Protein backbone atom coordinates (compact mmCIF):
# COMPACT_ATOMS: atom_id res chain seq x y z
CA MET A 1 -24.84 -55.83 -71.13
CA MET A 2 -21.44 -56.14 -72.76
CA ILE A 3 -20.82 -53.89 -75.74
CA GLY A 4 -18.43 -55.00 -78.46
CA LYS A 5 -16.67 -58.24 -79.12
CA ALA A 6 -14.53 -59.45 -76.24
CA GLY A 7 -11.39 -61.52 -76.59
CA ALA A 8 -10.33 -64.43 -74.45
CA ALA A 9 -10.07 -63.67 -70.74
CA ARG A 10 -6.29 -63.69 -70.63
CA THR A 11 -3.15 -61.56 -70.78
CA SER A 12 0.40 -62.46 -71.75
CA ILE A 13 2.00 -59.29 -70.47
CA CYS A 14 2.37 -59.62 -66.73
CA THR A 15 1.61 -61.70 -63.67
CA ALA A 16 2.78 -61.35 -60.09
CA ASP A 17 2.81 -63.14 -56.77
CA ALA A 18 4.13 -62.27 -53.34
CA ALA A 19 7.76 -62.89 -54.32
CA SER A 20 8.03 -62.06 -58.02
CA ILE A 21 6.79 -60.14 -61.03
CA THR A 22 6.91 -61.78 -64.46
CA VAL A 23 6.76 -59.70 -67.66
CA ARG A 24 6.37 -61.51 -70.96
CA GLY A 25 7.95 -64.61 -69.43
CA HIS A 26 10.91 -62.72 -67.92
CA ASP A 27 11.45 -62.19 -64.21
CA LEU A 28 11.30 -58.44 -63.74
CA CYS A 29 13.92 -58.27 -60.99
CA ASP A 30 16.31 -61.05 -61.97
CA ASP A 31 16.13 -60.93 -65.78
CA LEU A 32 15.32 -57.32 -66.64
CA MET A 33 16.30 -54.90 -63.87
CA GLY A 34 20.02 -54.24 -64.10
CA HIS A 35 20.31 -56.25 -67.30
CA ARG A 36 18.07 -54.52 -69.83
CA SER A 37 17.36 -50.94 -70.84
CA PHE A 38 13.97 -49.26 -70.77
CA THR A 39 14.03 -49.41 -74.56
CA ASP A 40 14.38 -53.20 -74.30
CA PHE A 41 11.47 -53.29 -71.88
CA PHE A 42 9.26 -51.17 -74.13
CA PHE A 43 9.98 -53.35 -77.15
CA LEU A 44 9.33 -56.48 -75.09
CA SER A 45 6.03 -55.11 -73.83
CA VAL A 46 4.77 -54.09 -77.27
CA ALA A 47 6.24 -56.77 -79.54
CA GLY A 48 6.21 -59.67 -77.09
CA HIS A 49 9.92 -60.45 -77.34
CA LEU A 50 13.20 -58.75 -76.56
CA PRO A 51 14.71 -56.72 -79.40
CA THR A 52 17.76 -57.61 -81.43
CA GLU A 53 20.78 -55.32 -81.20
CA GLN A 54 19.63 -53.50 -84.36
CA GLN A 55 16.06 -53.17 -83.17
CA ARG A 56 17.17 -51.68 -79.87
CA PHE A 57 19.66 -49.34 -81.53
CA PHE A 58 17.14 -47.95 -83.99
CA LEU A 59 14.34 -47.74 -81.48
CA ASP A 60 16.58 -45.46 -79.43
CA VAL A 61 17.41 -43.44 -82.55
CA LEU A 62 13.75 -43.02 -83.47
CA LEU A 63 12.62 -42.17 -79.95
CA ILE A 64 15.25 -39.44 -79.72
CA SER A 65 14.38 -38.12 -83.18
CA ILE A 66 10.78 -37.26 -82.27
CA ALA A 67 11.03 -36.52 -78.53
CA GLU A 68 11.46 -32.76 -78.79
CA HIS A 69 10.64 -29.98 -81.24
CA GLY A 70 10.29 -26.84 -79.15
CA LEU A 71 7.09 -25.07 -78.13
CA THR A 72 4.77 -27.11 -80.32
CA PRO A 73 1.00 -26.86 -79.70
CA ASN A 74 0.99 -29.93 -77.47
CA ALA A 75 3.93 -28.59 -75.42
CA GLN A 76 2.09 -25.29 -75.01
CA ALA A 77 -1.08 -27.11 -73.97
CA ALA A 78 0.85 -29.07 -71.36
CA ARG A 79 2.58 -26.00 -69.95
CA MET A 80 -0.57 -23.87 -69.81
CA THR A 81 -2.47 -26.74 -68.19
CA TYR A 82 0.25 -27.06 -65.58
CA ALA A 83 0.15 -23.31 -64.94
CA ALA A 84 -3.58 -23.61 -64.27
CA GLY A 85 -3.27 -26.78 -62.18
CA PRO A 86 0.24 -27.18 -60.75
CA ASP A 87 -1.00 -29.90 -58.40
CA SER A 88 -1.63 -32.23 -61.35
CA LEU A 89 1.51 -33.15 -63.26
CA GLN A 90 -0.33 -36.07 -64.80
CA GLY A 91 -3.15 -33.81 -65.99
CA ALA A 92 -0.72 -31.46 -67.70
CA LEU A 93 1.07 -34.38 -69.33
CA ALA A 94 -2.24 -35.82 -70.47
CA ALA A 95 -3.23 -32.47 -71.99
CA GLY A 96 -0.10 -32.53 -74.13
CA ILE A 97 -0.54 -36.14 -75.19
CA LEU A 98 -4.18 -35.52 -76.14
CA GLY A 99 -2.86 -33.00 -78.65
CA CYS A 100 -0.97 -35.71 -80.54
CA GLY A 101 -3.21 -36.10 -83.59
CA THR A 102 -2.71 -36.55 -87.31
CA VAL A 103 -0.94 -33.18 -87.62
CA ILE A 104 1.27 -33.46 -84.54
CA LEU A 105 2.98 -36.86 -84.11
CA GLY A 106 0.21 -38.98 -85.61
CA ALA A 107 1.62 -38.74 -89.12
CA ALA A 108 3.97 -41.69 -88.50
CA GLU A 109 0.94 -43.95 -88.19
CA LEU A 110 -0.46 -42.62 -91.47
CA ALA A 111 2.91 -42.99 -93.19
CA GLY A 112 3.14 -46.55 -91.94
CA GLY A 113 -0.27 -47.36 -93.37
CA LEU A 114 0.77 -45.92 -96.72
CA LEU A 115 3.94 -48.02 -96.78
CA VAL A 116 2.14 -51.22 -95.77
CA LYS A 117 -0.30 -50.84 -98.66
CA ALA A 118 2.50 -49.96 -101.06
CA LYS A 119 4.58 -52.97 -100.04
CA ALA A 120 1.60 -55.26 -100.57
CA ARG A 121 1.50 -54.08 -104.18
CA VAL A 122 5.24 -54.64 -104.58
CA ASP A 123 4.95 -58.12 -103.05
CA ALA A 124 2.21 -58.82 -105.60
CA GLY A 125 4.67 -58.13 -108.42
CA GLU A 126 4.40 -54.41 -109.16
CA ASP A 127 7.52 -52.31 -109.70
CA ILE A 128 8.54 -50.12 -106.75
CA ASP A 129 8.99 -46.97 -108.83
CA ALA A 130 5.69 -47.53 -110.63
CA VAL A 131 3.87 -47.94 -107.32
CA ALA A 132 5.54 -44.80 -105.96
CA ARG A 133 4.59 -42.75 -109.02
CA ASP A 134 1.00 -43.94 -108.84
CA ILE A 135 0.70 -43.08 -105.14
CA ALA A 136 2.20 -39.63 -105.58
CA MET A 137 0.27 -38.72 -108.73
CA THR A 138 -3.05 -40.06 -107.46
CA THR A 139 -2.69 -38.12 -104.22
CA ARG A 140 -1.69 -34.96 -106.06
CA GLN A 141 -4.54 -35.14 -108.55
CA ALA A 142 -7.04 -35.69 -105.75
CA GLY A 143 -5.73 -32.61 -103.95
CA GLY A 144 -4.76 -34.71 -100.95
CA LYS A 145 -1.82 -34.64 -98.58
CA LEU A 146 0.87 -37.27 -98.88
CA ALA A 147 1.38 -38.90 -95.49
CA GLY A 148 4.94 -38.47 -94.22
CA PHE A 149 5.78 -35.56 -96.51
CA GLY A 150 5.93 -31.82 -95.99
CA HIS A 151 7.12 -29.72 -93.07
CA PRO A 152 6.56 -26.04 -92.19
CA LEU A 153 10.16 -25.52 -91.07
CA HIS A 154 12.49 -28.18 -92.45
CA ARG A 155 12.80 -27.58 -96.20
CA PRO A 156 13.85 -29.09 -98.52
CA LYS A 157 15.27 -31.75 -96.16
CA ASP A 158 14.31 -32.81 -92.65
CA PRO A 159 17.67 -33.34 -90.89
CA ARG A 160 16.17 -36.01 -88.66
CA THR A 161 14.98 -38.05 -91.62
CA GLU A 162 18.33 -37.68 -93.33
CA ARG A 163 20.09 -39.04 -90.25
CA ILE A 164 17.63 -41.92 -89.83
CA MET A 165 17.88 -43.05 -93.43
CA THR A 166 21.67 -42.73 -93.46
CA LEU A 167 21.97 -44.87 -90.33
CA ALA A 168 19.54 -47.41 -91.79
CA ARG A 169 21.68 -47.74 -94.91
CA ASP A 170 24.95 -47.86 -92.97
CA GLN A 171 23.63 -50.51 -90.57
CA GLY A 172 22.13 -52.66 -93.32
CA VAL A 173 18.59 -52.19 -92.03
CA SER A 174 17.21 -50.39 -95.06
CA ALA A 175 14.92 -52.74 -96.98
CA THR A 176 11.69 -52.59 -98.99
CA HIS A 177 9.89 -50.02 -96.82
CA CYS A 178 12.85 -47.64 -96.83
CA ALA A 179 13.20 -48.15 -100.58
CA LEU A 180 9.53 -47.32 -101.02
CA ALA A 181 9.87 -44.19 -98.88
CA SER A 182 12.74 -42.98 -101.06
CA ALA A 183 10.90 -43.85 -104.28
CA ILE A 184 7.77 -42.05 -103.12
CA SER A 185 9.89 -39.03 -102.21
CA THR A 186 11.32 -38.87 -105.73
CA ALA A 187 7.88 -39.34 -107.26
CA ALA A 188 6.38 -36.68 -104.99
CA ASP A 189 8.95 -34.10 -106.11
CA THR A 190 7.87 -34.76 -109.68
CA ALA A 191 4.14 -34.79 -108.95
CA TRP A 192 4.24 -31.53 -106.97
CA GLY A 193 6.81 -29.93 -109.25
CA LYS A 194 9.03 -28.96 -106.32
CA PRO A 195 10.98 -30.63 -103.50
CA LEU A 196 8.56 -32.10 -100.98
CA THR A 197 10.22 -32.80 -97.63
CA MET A 198 10.21 -36.40 -96.48
CA ASN A 199 9.58 -35.69 -92.82
CA VAL A 200 10.65 -37.62 -89.75
CA SER A 201 7.32 -39.44 -89.57
CA MET A 202 8.04 -41.26 -92.83
CA GLY A 203 11.57 -42.07 -91.71
CA ILE A 204 10.27 -43.50 -88.44
CA ALA A 205 7.62 -45.60 -90.16
CA ALA A 206 9.93 -46.95 -92.86
CA VAL A 207 12.67 -48.08 -90.48
CA LEU A 208 10.24 -49.55 -87.94
CA LEU A 209 8.54 -51.62 -90.63
CA ASP A 210 11.85 -52.83 -92.04
CA LEU A 211 12.74 -53.90 -88.49
CA ASP A 212 9.49 -55.92 -88.20
CA PHE A 213 7.97 -53.63 -85.58
CA PRO A 214 4.18 -54.08 -85.37
CA ALA A 215 2.60 -51.70 -87.88
CA SER A 216 -0.41 -51.15 -85.63
CA MET A 217 1.86 -49.74 -82.90
CA ILE A 218 3.92 -47.29 -84.95
CA LYS A 219 2.16 -44.36 -83.29
CA ALA A 220 3.43 -45.63 -79.94
CA ILE A 221 6.94 -44.43 -80.80
CA PRO A 222 6.13 -40.71 -81.11
CA LEU A 223 3.74 -40.98 -78.15
CA LEU A 224 6.36 -42.51 -75.87
CA ALA A 225 9.07 -40.17 -77.14
CA ARG A 226 7.00 -37.02 -76.76
CA THR A 227 5.98 -38.06 -73.25
CA ALA A 228 9.63 -37.67 -72.31
CA GLY A 229 9.79 -34.33 -74.11
CA LEU A 230 6.66 -33.02 -72.44
CA LEU A 231 7.94 -34.00 -69.01
CA GLY A 232 11.04 -31.94 -69.78
CA HIS A 233 8.83 -28.94 -70.59
CA LEU A 234 6.87 -29.45 -67.39
CA ALA A 235 10.06 -29.68 -65.34
CA GLU A 236 11.12 -26.35 -66.85
CA GLU A 237 7.65 -24.92 -66.27
CA GLN A 238 8.09 -25.63 -62.57
CA ARG A 239 11.32 -23.62 -62.48
CA TYR A 240 10.65 -20.98 -65.14
CA PRO A 241 6.89 -20.69 -65.66
CA ILE A 242 5.72 -19.35 -69.01
CA GLY A 243 2.31 -21.00 -69.22
CA PHE A 244 0.35 -17.90 -68.28
CA LEU A 245 2.67 -15.77 -70.41
CA MET A 246 1.79 -17.87 -73.48
CA ALA A 247 -1.90 -17.57 -72.61
CA ALA A 248 -1.57 -13.78 -72.31
CA LYS A 249 0.27 -13.54 -75.63
CA ALA A 250 -2.51 -15.54 -77.27
CA GLU A 251 -5.06 -13.05 -75.90
CA GLU A 252 -3.00 -10.17 -77.30
CA ALA A 253 -2.63 -11.80 -80.71
CA ILE A 254 -6.34 -12.45 -81.29
CA THR A 255 -8.70 -9.64 -82.25
CA TYR A 256 -12.25 -9.80 -80.96
CA PHE A 257 -15.14 -8.78 -83.19
CA PRO A 258 -18.89 -9.36 -82.85
CA GLU A 259 -20.35 -12.55 -84.25
CA GLN A 260 -22.41 -10.80 -86.91
CA GLU A 261 -19.22 -9.41 -88.39
CA ALA A 262 -17.69 -12.90 -88.49
CA GLY A 263 -20.36 -14.01 -90.92
CA ALA A 264 -20.19 -10.90 -93.04
């Protein structure tokens, strides 16, 4: 019994025979290898066509921006998993990637969804600033969190976002989604009564959308980027292991007390 709705029995990504491999209509060896970057290949695989110069440039910028941020929870998970199973590099990498949720790395997807809905309102004739104020105030009054805003370390500005938005303006890429991100930022400061950091997730989402990157695949950027970062942590873990040290420090930092006291 088949569960769910199946699509047509076809793929447009890749086919191969004894002498060649074809990816999205391009010969892997003759057209791509030695001629295109991995960034080109990734864009081709996801979007179905090779990127423009601007799309490639900014995809590189965005991948670098989110690839590394120190001993984040997912980096710790990867390193401790590797310490426990050094014969499984892929398992350790997977452990880190599985930790990429709405708090770590997944916020770009949420920010993208917010911008897509906001742009639909602007396209329907609403004023950008009015839409931004409504989004910020409605979220604030509901006691919610504004996707793409806030950061525990980078305050009041996220240096990565500042760089992304500056490059977008300088390169003429900044359009409606970037304008909305900036307008929402201004409105959020007013709604919260204090500077609210526009974090890198909003910068990534805004630029990707203005570059016509598929909205449904925005999360792929932080996932791909952090894969590279995690592999760097795992390479270091092989040479200078700290996985068990982190586990031991966690044990030291947590106080045990009986369950009945927990509910007291």
